[in-house]
């Protein structure tokens, strides 16, 4: 939080300086009259029963808190520079089970899962009979993480205000993933600004630092002798009948040879004011991804392979239910997906001005990719102006998709397949999202905090429900200030 406050002070100081510096320029209608500062905060929580880390079953409890500061700086009448600095922190029952055996201190009482190859830890694990369960969070280091991001956008408008071009760069980082992006766009207005055409392109050059499930990581380190080394030294492995066995061998597993993920996108949109009360726009995106597109720590269990476990044998018969509180199944492999993916979403928006109090905003999108997914999205938002300052807007969103060619539920993949995932984000499902928002707007910025005048307050609350049982609640708050 101290870092966020420091960044805010520096950016606001820069905005104030930039405005003073520009005060002697000849008068021209400015794109942005004064600098603006947005403070954004969001809270997200979810729960479900299809954890991809546990091969398609288990707790999906997750909580995320994110904050952003967005500062728009008018460099002169035509140019605006915008900074966006964000920090997101989450805790996740699903990702905590990258090393589920931390639940009982089996790998050093919460140390990083990559310490599990130490013999001393293996002996400690054996002494306390380690166990885990996909239905509860472990205490491992992977149960929480932080994402930090920063981006900058520069935009320039022509004197006629009929041409706008922009360029942007971005950077984000979390424990096992780094992303660098850049791009640009061009917007042209015609027909007395009733027609708008835009093109945009972006490139993201990302890199994984792969983290594998504990058992696969140990196999990578020690080979076929891994049951007598590292974490597994002295730790009993059980078969389906709860009897100790030395037959477990995840021979299908090999580490990823590629750790980069590159994404390329191009967007085209066309907007037209049809009448005094109707405005429509259509858009199409082309997206190409290459590299490591699977998630390294998501387990796969094969239907044609025997099952092996660590933990308390009495829970094996109830493994795939929440009654299991004491045993965890060892993976046959990690998720494997093709190294390329091509996506094409096409959509349309219609905005209807009903009267001075109500506007209807509608949206539809069709999506298709070469992994076999087809999807439909439809939404509507109805802003209702209650007073000069307050607007309330109920909203609804419907989504449906088919399953990827590479998806199958827990223990329904076969070892003969080339690609496989049990991530329910790639399954067939439908979802409904209901929301309500409130906006307070004061164009006169009568409320002041130092050099900042409060321009608007925005609050949104949404509930999300998916047909596979996943549910989530999202709340977001926004405060927009004008630098005076």
Protein backbone atom coordinates (compact mmCIF):
# COMPACT_ATOMS: atom_id res chain seq x y z
CA UNK A 1 0.00 0.00 0.00
CA UNK A 2 2.91 2.39 0.75
CA UNK A 3 4.21 1.79 -2.76
CA UNK A 4 0.80 2.58 -4.26
CA UNK A 5 0.61 5.85 -2.29
CA UNK A 6 4.14 6.80 -3.38
CA UNK A 7 3.33 6.12 -7.04
CA UNK A 8 0.13 8.18 -6.72
CA UNK A 9 1.99 11.20 -5.31
CA UNK A 10 4.62 11.03 -8.05
CA UNK A 11 2.08 10.70 -10.84
CA UNK A 12 -0.17 13.48 -9.52
CA UNK A 13 2.88 15.74 -9.19
CA UNK A 14 3.76 14.97 -12.79
CA UNK A 15 0.22 15.73 -13.97
CA UNK A 16 0.24 19.09 -12.18
CA UNK A 17 3.64 19.97 -13.63
CA UNK A 18 2.58 18.99 -17.15
CA UNK A 19 -0.50 21.19 -16.99
CA UNK A 20 1.42 24.22 -15.72
CA UNK A 21 4.03 23.73 -18.40
CA UNK A 22 1.35 23.90 -21.09
CA UNK A 23 -0.41 27.02 -19.79
CA UNK A 24 1.21 29.44 -22.28
CA UNK A 25 0.18 27.56 -25.44
CA UNK A 26 -2.35 29.18 -27.83
CA UNK A 27 -5.96 28.25 -27.12
CA UNK A 28 -7.22 25.05 -28.71
CA UNK A 29 -10.01 22.72 -27.66
CA UNK A 30 -8.15 20.09 -25.69
CA UNK A 31 -8.71 16.35 -25.88
CA UNK A 32 -8.45 16.26 -22.08
CA UNK A 33 -8.94 19.54 -20.26
CA UNK A 34 -7.31 18.50 -16.99
CA UNK A 35 -5.39 15.55 -15.69
CA UNK A 36 -7.45 12.72 -14.23
CA UNK A 37 -6.69 10.12 -11.57
CA UNK A 38 -8.72 6.93 -11.11
CA UNK A 39 -8.52 4.79 -8.00
CA UNK A 40 -9.93 1.32 -8.63
CA UNK A 41 -10.47 -1.52 -6.19
CA UNK A 42 -12.08 -4.91 -6.81
CA UNK A 43 -12.89 -7.95 -4.70
CA UNK A 44 -13.54 -11.39 -6.18
CA UNK A 45 -14.35 -14.71 -4.54
CA UNK A 46 -15.37 -18.03 -6.04
CA UNK A 47 -16.08 -21.62 -5.12
CA UNK A 48 -16.53 -24.80 -7.12
CA UNK A 49 -15.76 -28.51 -7.24
CA UNK A 50 -13.61 -28.95 -10.36
CA UNK A 51 -10.07 -27.89 -9.51
CA UNK A 52 -7.80 -28.26 -12.58
CA UNK A 53 -4.76 -28.61 -10.28
CA UNK A 54 -6.35 -31.78 -8.88
CA UNK A 55 -7.28 -33.19 -12.28
CA UNK A 56 -10.87 -31.94 -12.47
CA UNK A 57 -12.11 -32.50 -8.90
CA UNK A 58 -11.62 -30.64 -5.64
CA UNK A 59 -12.08 -27.22 -4.15
CA UNK A 60 -11.89 -24.15 -6.38
CA UNK A 61 -12.12 -21.63 -3.54
CA UNK A 62 -10.31 -18.45 -4.48
CA UNK A 63 -10.20 -14.89 -3.19
CA UNK A 64 -8.61 -12.02 -5.09
CA UNK A 65 -8.21 -8.35 -4.17
CA UNK A 66 -6.92 -6.01 -6.86
CA UNK A 67 -6.15 -2.30 -6.86
CA UNK A 68 -5.24 0.01 -9.73
CA UNK A 69 -4.27 3.63 -10.12
CA UNK A 70 -4.85 5.13 -13.56
CA UNK A 71 -3.44 8.59 -14.27
CA UNK A 72 -4.21 10.46 -17.49
CA UNK A 73 -1.84 13.35 -18.26
CA UNK A 74 -2.72 15.95 -20.95
CA UNK A 75 0.69 16.80 -22.41
CA UNK A 76 -0.84 19.49 -24.64
CA UNK A 77 -4.08 20.06 -26.52
CA UNK A 78 -3.61 16.99 -28.73
CA UNK A 79 -1.64 14.44 -26.69
CA UNK A 80 -2.52 12.39 -23.63
CA UNK A 81 -0.25 10.05 -21.69
CA UNK A 82 -1.93 7.46 -19.45
CA UNK A 83 -0.32 5.29 -16.78
CA UNK A 84 -1.95 2.25 -15.16
CA UNK A 85 -0.29 0.68 -12.11
CA UNK A 86 -1.92 -2.36 -10.50
CA UNK A 87 -1.37 -4.91 -7.75
CA UNK A 88 -3.46 -8.06 -7.29
CA UNK A 89 -3.22 -10.53 -4.38
CA UNK A 90 -4.99 -13.87 -4.22
CA UNK A 91 -5.33 -16.98 -2.10
CA UNK A 92 -6.36 -20.20 -3.83
CA UNK A 93 -7.27 -23.64 -2.49
CA UNK A 94 -6.72 -25.06 -5.97
CA UNK A 95 -3.20 -23.78 -6.60
CA UNK A 96 -2.20 -24.53 -3.00
CA UNK A 97 -2.46 -28.19 -3.97
CA UNK A 98 0.45 -28.00 -6.38
CA UNK A 99 2.04 -29.47 -3.28
CA UNK A 100 -0.93 -30.82 -1.29
CA UNK A 101 1.28 -32.50 1.28
CA UNK A 102 2.05 -29.16 2.90
CA UNK A 103 -1.29 -29.57 4.67
CA UNK A 104 0.50 -31.54 7.39
CA UNK A 105 3.95 -30.01 7.10
CA UNK A 106 5.21 -32.86 4.94
CA UNK A 107 7.45 -30.61 2.95
CA UNK A 108 8.82 -28.42 5.62
CA UNK A 109 5.71 -26.76 6.98
CA UNK A 110 4.91 -24.48 4.09
CA UNK A 111 8.23 -24.00 2.32
CA UNK A 112 8.33 -23.79 -1.44
CA UNK A 113 7.40 -27.07 -3.09
CA UNK A 114 10.77 -27.15 -4.83
CA UNK A 115 12.43 -27.84 -1.47
CA UNK A 116 10.81 -31.26 -1.39
CA UNK A 117 13.83 -32.98 -2.89
CA UNK A 118 15.82 -32.61 0.35
CA UNK A 119 16.31 -35.94 2.12
CA UNK A 120 15.74 -34.37 5.53
CA UNK A 121 12.31 -33.26 4.47
CA UNK A 122 11.48 -36.71 3.16
CA UNK A 123 12.40 -38.26 6.50
CA UNK A 124 10.30 -35.68 8.36
CA UNK A 125 7.39 -36.43 6.05
CA UNK A 126 7.62 -40.16 6.70
CA UNK A 127 7.69 -39.60 10.44
CA UNK A 128 4.30 -37.87 10.45
CA UNK A 129 2.55 -39.87 7.69
CA UNK A 130 1.91 -36.96 5.28
CA UNK A 131 -1.44 -36.57 3.59
CA UNK A 132 -3.43 -34.05 1.59
CA UNK A 133 -6.82 -33.79 -0.06
CA UNK A 134 -8.12 -32.00 -3.16
CA UNK A 135 -11.07 -30.77 -1.09
CA UNK A 136 -9.04 -28.61 1.26
CA UNK A 137 -6.32 -26.03 0.83
CA UNK A 138 -2.79 -26.96 1.83
CA UNK A 139 -0.44 -24.56 3.61
CA UNK A 140 2.11 -24.52 0.80
CA UNK A 141 3.77 -21.43 -0.64
CA UNK A 142 1.61 -21.68 -3.78
CA UNK A 143 -1.62 -21.02 -1.86
CA UNK A 144 -1.17 -17.28 -2.46
CA UNK A 145 0.57 -14.99 -4.91
CA UNK A 146 0.74 -11.39 -6.07
CA UNK A 147 0.52 -9.97 -9.57
CA UNK A 148 2.07 -6.57 -10.25
CA UNK A 149 1.44 -4.77 -13.53
CA UNK A 150 2.22 -1.44 -15.13
CA UNK A 151 1.25 -0.03 -18.52
CA UNK A 152 1.57 3.24 -20.38
CA UNK A 153 -0.47 4.53 -23.31
CA UNK A 154 0.28 7.55 -25.51
CA UNK A 155 -2.46 8.95 -27.77
CA UNK A 156 -2.41 11.77 -30.30
CA UNK A 157 -5.37 13.46 -31.97
CA UNK A 158 -5.28 15.47 -35.17
CA UNK A 159 -6.33 19.14 -35.24
CA UNK A 160 -9.63 18.15 -36.87
CA UNK A 161 -10.17 15.49 -34.16
CA UNK A 162 -11.02 13.03 -36.94
CA UNK A 163 -7.85 10.96 -36.54
CA UNK A 164 -6.54 9.41 -33.35
CA UNK A 165 -3.54 7.12 -33.03
CA UNK A 166 -2.13 5.49 -29.93
CA UNK A 167 0.74 3.31 -28.73
CA UNK A 168 1.06 1.31 -25.53
CA UNK A 169 3.50 -0.83 -23.58
CA UNK A 170 2.86 -3.09 -20.60
CA UNK A 171 4.65 -5.31 -18.10
CA UNK A 172 3.33 -7.73 -15.48
CA UNK A 173 4.93 -10.28 -13.20
CA UNK A 174 3.94 -12.97 -10.74
CA UNK A 175 5.80 -15.85 -9.11
CA UNK A 176 5.89 -18.17 -12.13
CA UNK A 177 4.93 -15.90 -15.04
CA UNK A 178 6.16 -12.69 -16.70
CA UNK A 179 4.50 -10.78 -19.53
CA UNK A 180 5.75 -7.94 -21.74
CA UNK A 181 3.39 -6.33 -24.23
CA UNK A 182 3.26 -3.55 -26.77
CA UNK A 183 0.84 -2.37 -29.42
CA UNK A 184 -0.88 0.48 -31.13
CA UNK A 185 -4.09 1.59 -32.80
CA UNK A 186 -5.62 4.02 -35.27
CA UNK A 187 -9.13 5.51 -35.22
CA UNK A 188 -10.73 7.52 -38.04
CA UNK A 189 -14.00 9.46 -37.86
CA UNK A 190 -16.08 10.33 -40.92
CA UNK A 191 -19.46 11.72 -41.85
CA UNK A 192 -19.42 14.57 -39.32
CA UNK A 193 -18.17 12.13 -36.70
CA UNK A 194 -21.21 9.87 -37.09
CA UNK A 195 -19.03 7.05 -38.45
CA UNK A 196 -15.97 5.58 -36.76
CA UNK A 197 -13.47 2.98 -37.93
CA UNK A 198 -10.70 1.57 -35.73
CA UNK A 199 -7.86 -0.91 -36.07
CA UNK A 200 -5.58 -2.09 -33.31
CA UNK A 201 -2.78 -4.58 -32.86
CA UNK A 202 -1.01 -5.99 -29.79
CA UNK A 203 1.84 -8.39 -29.09
CA UNK A 204 2.50 -10.09 -25.75
CA UNK A 205 5.77 -11.93 -25.17
CA UNK A 206 5.31 -14.02 -22.05
CA UNK A 207 7.46 -16.52 -20.22
CA UNK A 208 6.62 -19.29 -17.76
CA UNK A 209 8.85 -20.43 -14.93
CA UNK A 210 7.22 -23.87 -14.82
CA UNK A 211 6.17 -25.32 -11.48
CA UNK A 212 5.15 -28.98 -11.57
CA UNK A 213 3.11 -30.98 -9.04
CA UNK A 214 5.31 -32.37 -6.26
CA UNK A 215 5.28 -35.99 -7.45
CA UNK A 216 6.14 -35.06 -11.05
CA UNK A 217 8.85 -32.68 -9.90
CA UNK A 218 10.43 -35.44 -7.81
CA UNK A 219 10.30 -37.83 -10.79
CA UNK A 220 12.00 -35.16 -12.93
CA UNK A 221 14.78 -34.76 -10.35
CA UNK A 222 15.46 -38.37 -9.42
CA UNK A 223 14.21 -40.50 -12.32
CA UNK A 224 12.91 -44.01 -11.76
CA UNK A 225 14.57 -44.15 -8.32
CA UNK A 226 12.52 -41.18 -7.08
CA UNK A 227 10.59 -43.28 -4.52
CA UNK A 228 13.83 -43.77 -2.58
CA UNK A 229 15.00 -40.16 -2.89
CA UNK A 230 13.98 -36.64 -1.87
CA UNK A 231 10.46 -36.16 -0.61
CA UNK A 232 9.38 -39.75 -1.25
CA UNK A 233 12.24 -41.27 0.75
CA UNK A 234 10.43 -43.24 3.46
CA UNK A 235 6.97 -41.96 2.45
CA UNK A 236 4.55 -44.87 1.79
CA UNK A 237 2.68 -44.82 -1.54
CA UNK A 238 -0.63 -46.68 -1.55
CA UNK A 239 -2.46 -48.50 -4.33
CA UNK A 240 -6.23 -48.48 -4.92
CA UNK A 241 -6.68 -51.02 -2.10
CA UNK A 242 -4.73 -48.95 0.40
CA UNK A 243 -1.74 -51.30 0.35
CA UNK A 244 1.81 -49.91 0.12
CA UNK A 245 3.14 -50.20 -3.42
CA UNK A 246 6.33 -49.37 -5.35
CA UNK A 247 4.67 -49.58 -8.76
CA UNK A 248 3.87 -45.87 -9.18
CA UNK A 249 5.80 -44.48 -12.14
CA UNK A 250 4.53 -41.38 -14.04
CA UNK A 251 6.38 -42.40 -17.19
CA UNK A 252 4.22 -40.19 -19.43
CA UNK A 253 5.64 -37.07 -17.78
CA UNK A 254 8.37 -35.04 -19.42
CA UNK A 255 9.20 -31.40 -18.59
CA UNK A 256 8.11 -28.76 -21.05
CA UNK A 257 10.79 -27.96 -23.60
CA UNK A 258 9.20 -24.59 -24.40
CA UNK A 259 8.54 -21.97 -21.71
CA UNK A 260 7.52 -18.99 -23.86
CA UNK A 261 3.97 -18.01 -24.70
CA UNK A 262 3.58 -15.41 -27.44
CA UNK A 263 0.22 -13.83 -28.26
CA UNK A 264 -0.66 -11.70 -31.27
CA UNK A 265 -3.96 -9.89 -31.76
CA UNK A 266 -5.51 -7.66 -34.40
CA UNK A 267 -8.86 -5.91 -33.92
CA UNK A 268 -11.16 -4.15 -36.35
CA UNK A 269 -14.27 -2.22 -35.34
CA UNK A 270 -16.85 -0.10 -37.13
CA UNK A 271 -19.31 2.19 -35.36
CA UNK A 272 -22.24 4.11 -36.84
CA UNK A 273 -24.90 6.45 -35.47
CA UNK A 274 -27.99 5.19 -37.28
CA UNK A 275 -30.58 7.61 -35.92
CA UNK A 276 -30.85 10.14 -33.15
CA UNK A 277 -31.69 7.27 -30.79
CA UNK A 278 -29.75 4.27 -32.13
CA UNK A 279 -26.03 3.64 -32.36
CA UNK A 280 -24.47 0.35 -33.45
CA UNK A 281 -20.98 -1.09 -33.79
CA UNK A 282 -19.51 -4.32 -35.07
CA UNK A 283 -16.09 -5.77 -34.34
CA UNK A 284 -13.86 -8.70 -35.15
CA UNK A 285 -10.67 -9.88 -33.46
CA UNK A 286 -8.01 -12.25 -34.75
CA UNK A 287 -5.86 -13.82 -32.04
CA UNK A 288 -2.93 -16.21 -32.40
CA UNK A 289 -1.07 -17.85 -29.51
CA UNK A 290 2.12 -19.86 -29.75
CA UNK A 291 4.31 -21.67 -27.23
CA UNK A 292 3.47 -23.19 -23.86
CA UNK A 293 -0.33 -22.95 -23.76
CA UNK A 294 -0.91 -25.58 -21.09
CA UNK A 295 -0.58 -24.91 -17.37
CA UNK A 296 2.40 -26.83 -15.92
CA UNK A 297 0.87 -27.62 -12.52
CA UNK A 298 -2.51 -28.98 -13.66
CA UNK A 299 -2.67 -32.75 -13.11
CA UNK A 300 -4.03 -35.45 -15.40
CA UNK A 301 -5.27 -38.90 -14.33
CA UNK A 302 -5.60 -41.65 -16.96
CA UNK A 303 -8.46 -44.15 -17.04
CA UNK A 304 -6.12 -46.92 -18.25
CA UNK A 305 -3.53 -46.50 -15.48
CA UNK A 306 -3.61 -47.75 -11.90
CA UNK A 307 -4.23 -45.22 -9.12
CA UNK A 308 -1.72 -44.43 -6.39
CA UNK A 309 -2.06 -42.23 -3.31
CA UNK A 310 -0.32 -40.67 -0.34
CA UNK A 311 -2.27 -40.39 2.88
CA UNK A 312 -4.81 -42.29 4.93
CA UNK A 313 -6.20 -45.37 3.12
CA UNK A 314 -9.71 -45.19 4.63
CA UNK A 315 -10.46 -42.17 2.44
CA UNK A 316 -9.60 -43.80 -0.92
CA UNK A 317 -13.17 -45.06 -1.48
CA UNK A 318 -14.53 -41.50 -1.10
CA UNK A 319 -11.65 -39.82 -2.93
CA UNK A 320 -13.79 -37.88 -5.42
CA UNK A 321 -16.17 -36.48 -2.78
CA UNK A 322 -15.76 -33.86 -0.08
CA UNK A 323 -15.85 -36.68 2.50
CA UNK A 324 -12.21 -37.31 1.59
CA UNK A 325 -10.18 -35.38 4.14
CA UNK A 326 -7.01 -37.44 4.23
CA UNK A 327 -5.64 -38.81 0.95
CA UNK A 328 -4.31 -37.35 -2.32
CA UNK A 329 -3.93 -39.13 -5.66
CA UNK A 330 -0.58 -38.94 -7.46
CA UNK A 331 -0.65 -37.61 -11.02
CA UNK A 332 -0.12 -39.66 -14.17
CA UNK A 333 0.97 -36.56 -16.09
CA UNK A 334 0.53 -32.82 -16.37
CA UNK A 335 -1.87 -31.08 -18.76
CA UNK A 336 -0.77 -31.20 -22.40
CA UNK A 337 -2.20 -28.90 -25.07
CA UNK A 338 -1.16 -27.91 -28.61
CA UNK A 339 1.54 -25.25 -28.97
CA UNK A 340 -0.66 -23.02 -31.11
CA UNK A 341 -4.19 -21.67 -30.89
CA UNK A 342 -6.18 -19.43 -33.22
CA UNK A 343 -9.23 -17.51 -31.94
CA UNK A 344 -11.85 -15.49 -33.81
CA UNK A 345 -14.52 -13.52 -31.93
CA UNK A 346 -17.06 -11.48 -33.92
CA UNK A 347 -19.58 -9.23 -32.22
CA UNK A 348 -22.11 -6.43 -32.44
CA UNK A 349 -23.40 -3.74 -30.06
CA UNK A 350 -26.64 -1.78 -30.20
CA UNK A 351 -27.34 1.19 -27.93
CA UNK A 352 -30.91 2.49 -27.79
CA UNK A 353 -31.83 5.87 -26.34
CA UNK A 354 -35.28 5.21 -24.88
CA UNK A 355 -35.83 8.56 -23.18
CA UNK A 356 -33.90 11.09 -21.12
CA UNK A 357 -33.86 8.67 -18.18
CA UNK A 358 -33.18 5.25 -19.74
CA UNK A 359 -30.69 3.87 -22.29
CA UNK A 360 -30.45 0.21 -23.36
CA UNK A 361 -27.01 -1.18 -24.15
CA UNK A 362 -27.00 -4.59 -25.83
CA UNK A 363 -24.13 -6.84 -26.86
CA UNK A 364 -23.68 -10.14 -28.72
CA UNK A 365 -20.48 -12.03 -29.56
CA UNK A 366 -19.77 -15.29 -31.38
CA UNK A 367 -16.45 -17.02 -30.71
CA UNK A 368 -14.66 -19.92 -32.36
CA UNK A 369 -11.17 -21.38 -32.07
CA UNK A 370 -9.23 -24.28 -33.56
CA UNK A 371 -9.38 -26.25 -30.29
CA UNK A 372 -13.02 -27.07 -30.98
CA UNK A 373 -14.69 -24.40 -28.82
CA UNK A 374 -17.64 -22.40 -30.08
CA UNK A 375 -19.24 -19.85 -27.77
CA UNK A 376 -22.06 -17.31 -27.63
CA UNK A 377 -22.23 -14.26 -25.35
CA UNK A 378 -25.21 -11.93 -24.96
CA UNK A 379 -25.64 -9.12 -22.49
CA UNK A 380 -27.83 -6.14 -21.71
CA UNK A 381 -27.33 -3.13 -19.48
CA UNK A 382 -30.03 -0.57 -18.65
CA UNK A 383 -28.64 2.69 -17.21
CA UNK A 384 -31.45 4.55 -15.44
CA UNK A 385 -30.84 8.19 -14.53
CA UNK A 386 -32.40 8.78 -11.12
CA UNK A 387 -31.22 12.37 -10.76
CA UNK A 388 -28.73 14.84 -12.15
CA UNK A 389 -25.96 13.07 -10.28
CA UNK A 390 -27.01 9.44 -9.77
CA UNK A 391 -27.41 6.66 -12.32
CA UNK A 392 -28.27 3.05 -11.53
CA UNK A 393 -27.75 0.29 -14.07
CA UNK A 394 -28.92 -3.30 -13.77
CA UNK A 395 -27.13 -5.75 -16.08
CA UNK A 396 -27.33 -9.35 -17.25
CA UNK A 397 -24.92 -11.55 -19.21
CA UNK A 398 -25.46 -15.03 -20.68
CA UNK A 399 -22.68 -17.26 -21.98
CA UNK A 400 -22.50 -20.77 -23.46
CA UNK A 401 -19.69 -22.78 -25.00
CA UNK A 402 -18.94 -26.23 -26.39
CA UNK A 403 -16.10 -28.33 -25.01
CA UNK A 404 -12.58 -28.32 -26.37
CA UNK A 405 -11.50 -31.36 -28.36
CA UNK A 406 -8.87 -31.98 -25.67
CA UNK A 407 -11.09 -31.86 -22.56
CA UNK A 408 -12.27 -34.81 -20.50
CA UNK A 409 -13.32 -35.00 -16.81
CA UNK A 410 -11.35 -36.62 -14.00
CA UNK A 411 -9.95 -40.05 -14.96
CA UNK A 412 -11.58 -40.10 -18.42
CA UNK A 413 -8.46 -39.42 -20.50
CA UNK A 414 -6.35 -42.26 -21.89
CA UNK A 415 -2.57 -42.44 -21.97
CA UNK A 416 -2.66 -43.00 -25.75
CA UNK A 417 -3.98 -39.47 -26.38
CA UNK A 418 -1.62 -36.77 -27.60
CA UNK A 419 -3.30 -33.84 -25.83
CA UNK A 420 -5.37 -33.77 -22.66
CA UNK A 421 -6.79 -31.39 -20.07
CA UNK A 422 -9.33 -31.62 -17.25
CA UNK A 423 -9.64 -27.85 -16.87
CA UNK A 424 -13.37 -27.08 -16.79
CA UNK A 425 -12.74 -23.67 -18.37
CA UNK A 426 -12.36 -25.75 -21.55
CA UNK A 427 -15.45 -27.89 -20.91
CA UNK A 428 -19.00 -27.46 -22.18
CA UNK A 429 -20.97 -25.13 -19.90
CA UNK A 430 -23.38 -22.23 -19.69
CA UNK A 431 -23.21 -19.30 -17.30
CA UNK A 432 -25.38 -16.46 -16.07
CA UNK A 433 -24.16 -13.22 -14.55
CA UNK A 434 -26.42 -10.72 -12.79
CA UNK A 435 -25.27 -7.31 -11.70
CA UNK A 436 -26.19 -3.89 -10.41
CA UNK A 437 -24.18 -0.70 -10.62
CA UNK A 438 -24.38 2.81 -9.22
CA UNK A 439 -22.63 5.92 -10.51
CA UNK A 440 -22.39 9.33 -8.91
CA UNK A 441 -21.19 12.06 -11.28
CA UNK A 442 -20.37 15.69 -10.52
CA UNK A 443 -18.96 17.55 -13.51
CA UNK A 444 -18.28 20.55 -11.26
CA UNK A 445 -16.01 18.51 -8.95
CA UNK A 446 -17.24 20.29 -5.83
CA UNK A 447 -15.73 17.77 -3.42
CA UNK A 448 -11.97 18.41 -3.03
CA UNK A 449 -8.99 16.46 -1.72
CA UNK A 450 -5.89 18.66 -2.00
CA UNK A 451 -5.50 19.37 -5.75
CA UNK A 452 -8.00 16.61 -6.65
CA UNK A 453 -11.65 17.29 -7.36
CA UNK A 454 -14.01 14.33 -7.16
CA UNK A 455 -15.57 13.76 -10.58
CA UNK A 456 -17.37 10.43 -10.15
CA UNK A 457 -17.86 7.40 -7.94
CA UNK A 458 -18.68 4.03 -9.45
CA UNK A 459 -19.82 0.86 -7.63
CA UNK A 460 -20.59 -2.47 -9.30
CA UNK A 461 -21.69 -5.80 -7.85
CA UNK A 462 -22.09 -9.02 -9.84
CA UNK A 463 -23.01 -12.62 -9.13
CA UNK A 464 -21.78 -15.31 -11.52
CA UNK A 465 -23.15 -18.85 -11.75
CA UNK A 466 -21.84 -21.60 -14.04
CA UNK A 467 -23.61 -24.85 -14.95
CA UNK A 468 -20.67 -26.94 -13.67
CA UNK A 469 -21.24 -25.59 -10.16
CA UNK A 470 -18.70 -22.76 -10.13
CA UNK A 471 -20.09 -19.58 -8.55
CA UNK A 472 -18.48 -16.22 -7.91
CA UNK A 473 -19.18 -12.76 -6.52
CA UNK A 474 -17.46 -9.64 -7.79
CA UNK A 475 -17.52 -6.13 -6.30
CA UNK A 476 -15.65 -3.18 -7.79
CA UNK A 477 -15.25 0.42 -6.65
CA UNK A 478 -13.95 3.35 -8.63
CA UNK A 479 -13.18 6.97 -7.79
CA UNK A 480 -12.32 9.41 -10.56
CA UNK A 481 -10.63 12.70 -9.67
CA UNK A 482 -9.74 15.71 -11.80
CA UNK A 483 -6.45 17.48 -11.14
CA UNK A 484 -7.16 21.17 -10.70
